[in-house]
Amino acid sequence: MALAPSATGTVIVVGSANLDLVATTERHPLPGETLTGTEYSEYPGGKGLNQAVASSRSGSPTSFICALGADDAGRFLHTVATNDGIDLSAARVSETTPTGRALIVVDEHGENTIIVIPGSNAECPPARNIDSSDVVLAQLEVPISTVIESFTAARAVGARTILNPAPATTLDSSLLALCDIVVPNEHEVELLGGVAALQRLGVEIVIVTRGSQGIDVHQGEETTSLPSFTVEPVDTTGAGDAFCGTLAASLATGCELNEACQRALAAGALATTKHGAVPSLPFRVDVEALISSAS
């Protein structure tokens, strides 16, 4: 599973920032059913913010391109990001559109369902000031045109691009052809036509995440399966974002692909052991400790 490490660069995350409204209950309600919850919390979230925090906590300089509302939620999320050392100098503030929200229900097994209200995320600007050593990471909670423009700019200078195609949807080949690495889950990869279809478009590496079953890394004709780390999960919210942010950070700081994937798997596992998205994202020392304990 060879991938030459790049010179140390910055992770530039282009994505969403939401205020997560989280209800915990024994099980998910059926259509038309009302359940009494056991707990309610509000957390910083959004796939972009989650991945930016995961990247920063993994030790990489991180810039976050996003759009926040000029409201209490936006100011709160701005503070969360800057407190984690994330550069928000290219973020946009909307005076007319409120900050995004996510409504999350978590059952007693830690499984979640999520409804996202995009809000100001629909105004997210593209990444512009990109160096060849940078890694540009994006998801699909901001306009597709923003992701395409960001990846086009990255390709123009030779920077590496990573797409986490979530929330799941079908995508035009014009975007996929700009991706060096695509990180879908099992459902998302099928919507994209399968691994072979992505490879035909020029995607160098496809990493299919399988939750507690680990990952399958497809590079050329080679497929490598890596197991997850064993933990006791309480909330799976943010696990995929921990994986993606840590993967990008590891590559940006010079790790080869195998080591980057191991670090990402450890981060994803640790993220399931705490409630909330951003609060659950582990620091580099915790990731390294889990890897050491499992070896």
Protein backbone atom coordinates (compact mmCIF):
# COMPACT_ATOMS: atom_id res chain seq x y z
CA MET A 1 0.00 0.00 0.00
CA ALA A 2 2.53 2.55 -1.19
CA LEU A 3 1.93 6.27 -1.31
CA ALA A 4 4.89 8.60 -1.20
CA PRO A 5 4.65 11.02 1.72
CA SER A 6 4.34 14.65 0.72
CA ALA A 7 6.27 17.59 2.12
CA THR A 8 4.70 18.88 5.32
CA GLY A 9 1.76 21.12 4.49
CA THR A 10 -1.51 22.48 5.79
CA VAL A 11 -4.83 20.67 5.79
CA ILE A 12 -7.42 22.94 4.19
CA VAL A 13 -10.92 21.76 5.09
CA VAL A 14 -13.77 23.06 2.94
CA GLY A 15 -17.04 22.25 4.64
CA SER A 16 -19.93 22.80 6.99
CA ALA A 17 -20.23 24.03 10.54
CA ASN A 18 -23.42 23.27 12.48
CA LEU A 19 -24.79 23.49 15.96
CA ASP A 20 -25.75 19.89 16.83
CA LEU A 21 -28.95 19.40 18.84
CA VAL A 22 -28.68 15.90 20.28
CA ALA A 23 -31.46 13.85 21.91
CA THR A 24 -30.69 10.49 23.52
CA THR A 25 -33.39 7.82 23.81
CA GLU A 26 -33.67 4.05 24.21
CA ARG A 27 -34.51 3.48 20.55
CA HIS A 28 -35.33 5.47 17.44
CA PRO A 29 -39.01 6.45 17.06
CA LEU A 30 -41.21 4.87 14.43
CA PRO A 31 -43.04 7.13 11.93
CA GLY A 32 -45.71 9.09 13.81
CA GLU A 33 -44.45 7.92 17.21
CA THR A 34 -43.47 10.16 20.14
CA LEU A 35 -40.84 8.90 22.59
CA THR A 36 -39.56 10.35 25.84
CA GLY A 37 -35.86 11.04 25.63
CA THR A 38 -33.34 10.48 28.38
CA GLU A 39 -30.93 13.33 27.68
CA TYR A 40 -30.51 16.50 25.57
CA SER A 41 -27.30 18.34 24.69
CA GLU A 42 -26.00 20.94 22.25
CA TYR A 43 -22.60 20.43 20.65
CA PRO A 44 -20.49 22.06 17.96
CA GLY A 45 -20.58 19.97 14.78
CA GLY A 46 -20.93 19.85 11.02
CA LYS A 47 -18.77 17.52 8.97
CA GLY A 48 -16.40 20.31 8.00
CA LEU A 49 -15.83 21.56 11.53
CA ASN A 50 -15.53 18.01 12.85
CA GLN A 51 -12.88 17.13 10.29
CA ALA A 52 -11.01 20.39 10.82
CA VAL A 53 -10.87 19.80 14.58
CA ALA A 54 -9.78 16.18 14.04
CA SER A 55 -7.01 17.39 11.74
CA SER A 56 -5.80 20.06 14.15
CA ARG A 57 -5.84 17.68 17.12
CA SER A 58 -3.79 15.24 15.03
CA GLY A 59 -1.00 17.78 14.86
CA SER A 60 -1.40 19.36 11.43
CA PRO A 61 -1.72 23.08 10.74
CA THR A 62 -5.36 23.39 9.69
CA SER A 63 -7.36 26.01 7.83
CA PHE A 64 -11.16 25.86 7.74
CA ILE A 65 -13.12 27.36 4.85
CA CYS A 66 -16.76 27.72 5.93
CA ALA A 67 -19.73 30.08 6.27
CA LEU A 68 -21.24 31.00 9.63
CA GLY A 69 -24.29 33.04 10.49
CA ALA A 70 -23.97 36.34 12.36
CA ASP A 71 -25.73 34.77 15.34
CA ASP A 72 -24.94 33.21 18.70
CA ALA A 73 -24.44 29.77 17.15
CA GLY A 74 -21.99 31.17 14.59
CA ARG A 75 -20.00 33.01 17.24
CA PHE A 76 -19.93 29.87 19.38
CA LEU A 77 -18.64 27.71 16.52
CA HIS A 78 -16.02 30.34 15.60
CA THR A 79 -14.74 30.25 19.18
CA VAL A 80 -14.66 26.44 19.21
CA ALA A 81 -12.56 26.34 16.04
CA THR A 82 -10.10 29.04 17.07
CA ASN A 83 -9.68 27.46 20.51
CA ASP A 84 -8.49 24.33 18.69
CA GLY A 85 -5.90 26.35 16.79
CA ILE A 86 -7.76 26.36 13.46
CA ASP A 87 -7.25 29.22 11.02
CA LEU A 88 -10.62 30.81 10.16
CA SER A 89 -9.27 33.81 8.26
CA ALA A 90 -11.01 32.68 5.04
CA ALA A 91 -14.38 31.96 6.68
CA ARG A 92 -17.43 33.91 5.51
CA VAL A 93 -20.01 35.43 7.87
CA SER A 94 -23.57 35.71 6.56
CA GLU A 95 -25.61 38.64 7.83
CA THR A 96 -28.88 37.20 6.48
CA THR A 97 -28.74 33.40 6.87
CA PRO A 98 -28.56 31.61 10.24
CA THR A 99 -25.86 29.13 11.13
CA GLY A 100 -26.59 25.52 10.15
CA ARG A 101 -28.18 23.05 12.53
CA ALA A 102 -28.19 19.26 12.85
CA LEU A 103 -30.97 17.38 14.67
CA ILE A 104 -29.51 14.12 16.01
CA VAL A 105 -31.17 11.18 17.78
CA VAL A 106 -28.87 8.65 19.48
CA ASP A 107 -30.20 5.31 20.76
CA GLU A 108 -28.91 3.21 23.67
CA HIS A 109 -26.59 1.30 21.32
CA GLY A 110 -24.87 4.49 20.17
CA GLU A 111 -26.44 4.45 16.69
CA ASN A 112 -27.67 7.78 15.36
CA THR A 113 -30.00 9.36 12.82
CA ILE A 114 -29.34 12.93 11.65
CA ILE A 115 -31.30 15.68 9.89
CA VAL A 116 -29.17 18.61 8.68
CA ILE A 117 -30.52 22.12 8.03
CA PRO A 118 -27.76 23.76 5.93
CA GLY A 119 -28.40 27.43 6.76
CA SER A 120 -25.27 29.52 6.11
CA ASN A 121 -23.37 26.46 4.86
CA ALA A 122 -25.01 27.08 1.48
CA GLU A 123 -22.82 30.20 1.20
CA CYS A 124 -19.50 28.46 1.87
CA PRO A 125 -16.74 29.99 -0.32
CA PRO A 126 -14.12 27.89 -2.15
CA ALA A 127 -10.50 27.45 -1.05
CA ARG A 128 -8.12 29.76 -2.90
CA ASN A 129 -4.66 30.17 -1.35
CA ILE A 130 -3.31 26.64 -1.73
CA ASP A 131 0.30 25.39 -1.76
CA SER A 132 1.52 22.25 -3.50
CA SER A 133 2.25 20.56 -0.14
CA ASP A 134 -1.28 21.13 1.20
CA VAL A 135 -4.07 18.57 1.50
CA VAL A 136 -7.54 19.85 0.59
CA LEU A 137 -10.35 17.90 2.28
CA ALA A 138 -14.05 18.36 1.48
CA GLN A 139 -17.46 16.76 2.09
CA LEU A 140 -20.94 17.31 0.64
CA GLU A 141 -22.70 19.55 3.21
CA VAL A 142 -21.69 22.63 1.18
CA PRO A 143 -22.47 23.40 -2.49
CA ILE A 144 -20.92 20.99 -5.00
CA SER A 145 -19.72 23.98 -7.00
CA THR A 146 -17.67 25.09 -4.00
CA VAL A 147 -15.99 21.69 -3.77
CA ILE A 148 -15.29 21.58 -7.52
CA GLU A 149 -13.75 25.06 -7.48
CA SER A 150 -11.63 24.19 -4.45
CA PHE A 151 -10.35 20.94 -5.95
CA THR A 152 -9.69 22.60 -9.30
CA ALA A 153 -7.51 25.18 -7.54
CA ALA A 154 -5.75 22.41 -5.63
CA ARG A 155 -5.05 20.41 -8.78
CA ALA A 156 -3.65 23.52 -10.47
CA VAL A 157 -0.80 23.70 -7.93
CA GLY A 158 -0.37 19.94 -7.39
CA ALA A 159 -1.97 19.74 -3.94
CA ARG A 160 -3.58 16.48 -2.84
CA THR A 161 -7.40 16.30 -2.74
CA ILE A 162 -9.55 14.10 -0.49
CA LEU A 163 -13.33 13.79 -0.81
CA ASN A 164 -15.57 12.32 1.87
CA PRO A 165 -18.78 11.86 -0.22
CA ALA A 166 -21.23 12.37 2.63
CA PRO A 167 -24.14 12.84 2.97
CA ALA A 168 -24.59 10.05 0.42
CA THR A 169 -25.61 11.12 -3.07
CA THR A 170 -24.82 10.51 -6.71
CA LEU A 171 -22.05 12.74 -8.08
CA ASP A 172 -21.05 14.01 -11.48
CA SER A 173 -17.82 12.66 -12.92
CA SER A 174 -16.43 16.21 -13.17
CA LEU A 175 -16.00 16.30 -9.39
CA LEU A 176 -14.81 12.73 -8.94
CA ALA A 177 -12.15 13.21 -11.62
CA LEU A 178 -10.59 15.91 -9.39
CA CYS A 179 -10.19 13.56 -6.40
CA ASP A 180 -6.92 11.87 -5.49
CA ILE A 181 -8.50 10.02 -2.56
CA VAL A 182 -12.19 9.24 -1.99
CA VAL A 183 -13.36 8.00 1.43
CA PRO A 184 -16.94 6.60 1.20
CA ASN A 185 -18.73 4.16 3.45
CA GLU A 186 -20.30 0.98 2.05
CA HIS A 187 -23.55 2.71 1.07
CA GLU A 188 -21.86 5.76 -0.44
CA VAL A 189 -19.48 3.76 -2.62
CA GLU A 190 -22.42 1.97 -4.26
CA LEU A 191 -24.12 5.31 -5.06
CA LEU A 192 -20.87 6.35 -6.75
CA GLY A 193 -20.94 3.28 -9.00
CA GLY A 194 -18.45 1.14 -7.08
CA VAL A 195 -14.70 1.18 -6.62
CA ALA A 196 -13.89 0.28 -10.23
CA ALA A 197 -15.96 3.19 -11.56
CA LEU A 198 -14.09 5.62 -9.32
CA GLN A 199 -10.75 4.23 -10.44
CA ARG A 200 -11.71 4.61 -14.10
CA LEU A 201 -12.29 8.32 -13.44
CA GLY A 202 -8.73 8.62 -12.17
CA VAL A 203 -9.22 8.36 -8.40
CA GLU A 204 -5.87 7.09 -7.13
CA ILE A 205 -7.04 5.66 -3.81
CA VAL A 206 -10.52 4.59 -2.63
CA ILE A 207 -10.83 3.91 1.11
CA VAL A 208 -14.14 2.22 1.95
CA THR A 209 -14.99 2.55 5.64
CA ARG A 210 -16.94 -0.30 7.24
CA GLY A 211 -17.51 0.92 10.79
CA SER A 212 -16.40 -1.61 13.39
CA GLN A 213 -15.27 -3.93 10.56
CA GLY A 214 -12.42 -1.59 9.57
CA ILE A 215 -11.55 -0.36 6.08
CA ASP A 216 -10.72 -1.62 2.59
CA VAL A 217 -8.04 0.39 0.82
CA HIS A 218 -8.14 0.13 -2.97
CA GLN A 219 -5.10 1.40 -4.86
CA GLY A 220 -4.72 0.28 -8.46
CA GLU A 221 -5.27 -3.47 -8.55
CA GLU A 222 -4.27 -3.87 -4.90
CA THR A 223 -6.81 -4.07 -2.07
CA THR A 224 -5.72 -4.04 1.56
CA SER A 225 -8.12 -4.64 4.46
CA LEU A 226 -7.29 -3.13 7.84
CA PRO A 227 -9.25 -3.99 11.00
CA SER A 228 -10.71 -1.42 13.34
CA PHE A 229 -9.59 -1.01 16.94
CA THR A 230 -11.70 -2.60 19.68
CA VAL A 231 -13.47 -0.10 21.94
CA GLU A 232 -16.78 0.19 23.80
CA PRO A 233 -18.90 2.61 21.68
CA VAL A 234 -21.44 4.97 23.20
CA ASP A 235 -22.09 7.34 20.25
CA THR A 236 -20.96 6.88 16.64
CA THR A 237 -21.55 10.56 15.76
CA GLY A 238 -18.34 12.02 14.35
CA ALA A 239 -16.46 8.73 13.94
CA GLY A 240 -16.23 9.05 10.16
CA ASP A 241 -15.16 12.67 10.49
CA ALA A 242 -12.45 11.70 12.98
CA PHE A 243 -11.19 9.18 10.41
CA CYS A 244 -11.13 11.68 7.53
CA GLY A 245 -9.59 14.56 9.45
CA THR A 246 -6.89 12.37 10.94
CA LEU A 247 -6.16 10.76 7.57
CA ALA A 248 -5.68 14.19 5.96
CA ALA A 249 -3.53 15.43 8.83
CA SER A 250 -1.34 12.34 8.79
CA LEU A 251 -0.74 12.65 5.06
CA ALA A 252 -0.10 16.40 5.34
CA THR A 253 2.54 15.83 8.02
CA GLY A 254 4.41 13.26 5.94
CA CYS A 255 3.00 9.85 6.91
CA GLU A 256 2.86 7.08 4.34
CA LEU A 257 -0.59 5.73 3.51
CA ASN A 258 -0.51 2.67 5.78
CA GLU A 259 0.46 4.68 8.86
CA ALA A 260 -2.06 7.39 7.98
CA CYS A 261 -4.83 4.78 7.75
CA GLN A 262 -3.85 3.22 11.09
CA ARG A 263 -3.96 6.62 12.78
CA ALA A 264 -7.30 7.38 11.15
CA LEU A 265 -8.76 4.05 12.28
CA ALA A 266 -7.63 4.68 15.85
CA ALA A 267 -9.12 8.17 15.82
CA GLY A 268 -12.41 6.89 14.42
CA ALA A 269 -12.64 4.21 17.11
CA LEU A 270 -11.85 6.64 19.93
CA ALA A 271 -14.49 9.06 18.66
CA THR A 272 -17.21 6.48 19.39
CA THR A 273 -16.29 6.32 23.09
CA LYS A 274 -17.67 9.79 23.96
CA HIS A 275 -20.91 11.66 23.27
CA GLY A 276 -21.06 14.51 20.76
CA ALA A 277 -19.11 15.14 17.58
CA VAL A 278 -16.40 17.70 18.41
CA PRO A 279 -16.11 16.69 22.11
CA SER A 280 -15.38 13.09 21.06
CA LEU A 281 -12.57 13.86 18.62
CA PRO A 282 -9.29 12.53 20.03
CA PHE A 283 -5.91 14.21 20.31
CA ARG A 284 -2.76 12.82 18.73
CA VAL A 285 -1.45 11.51 22.07
CA ASP A 286 -4.65 9.46 22.56
CA VAL A 287 -4.43 8.03 19.03
CA GLU A 288 -0.81 7.02 19.54
CA ALA A 289 -1.64 5.46 22.91
CA LEU A 290 -4.39 3.29 21.38
CA ILE A 291 -2.10 2.16 18.57
CA SER A 292 0.64 1.29 21.04
CA SER A 293 -1.72 -0.65 23.30
CA ALA A 294 -2.97 -2.73 20.38
CA SER A 295 0.47 -3.64 19.01
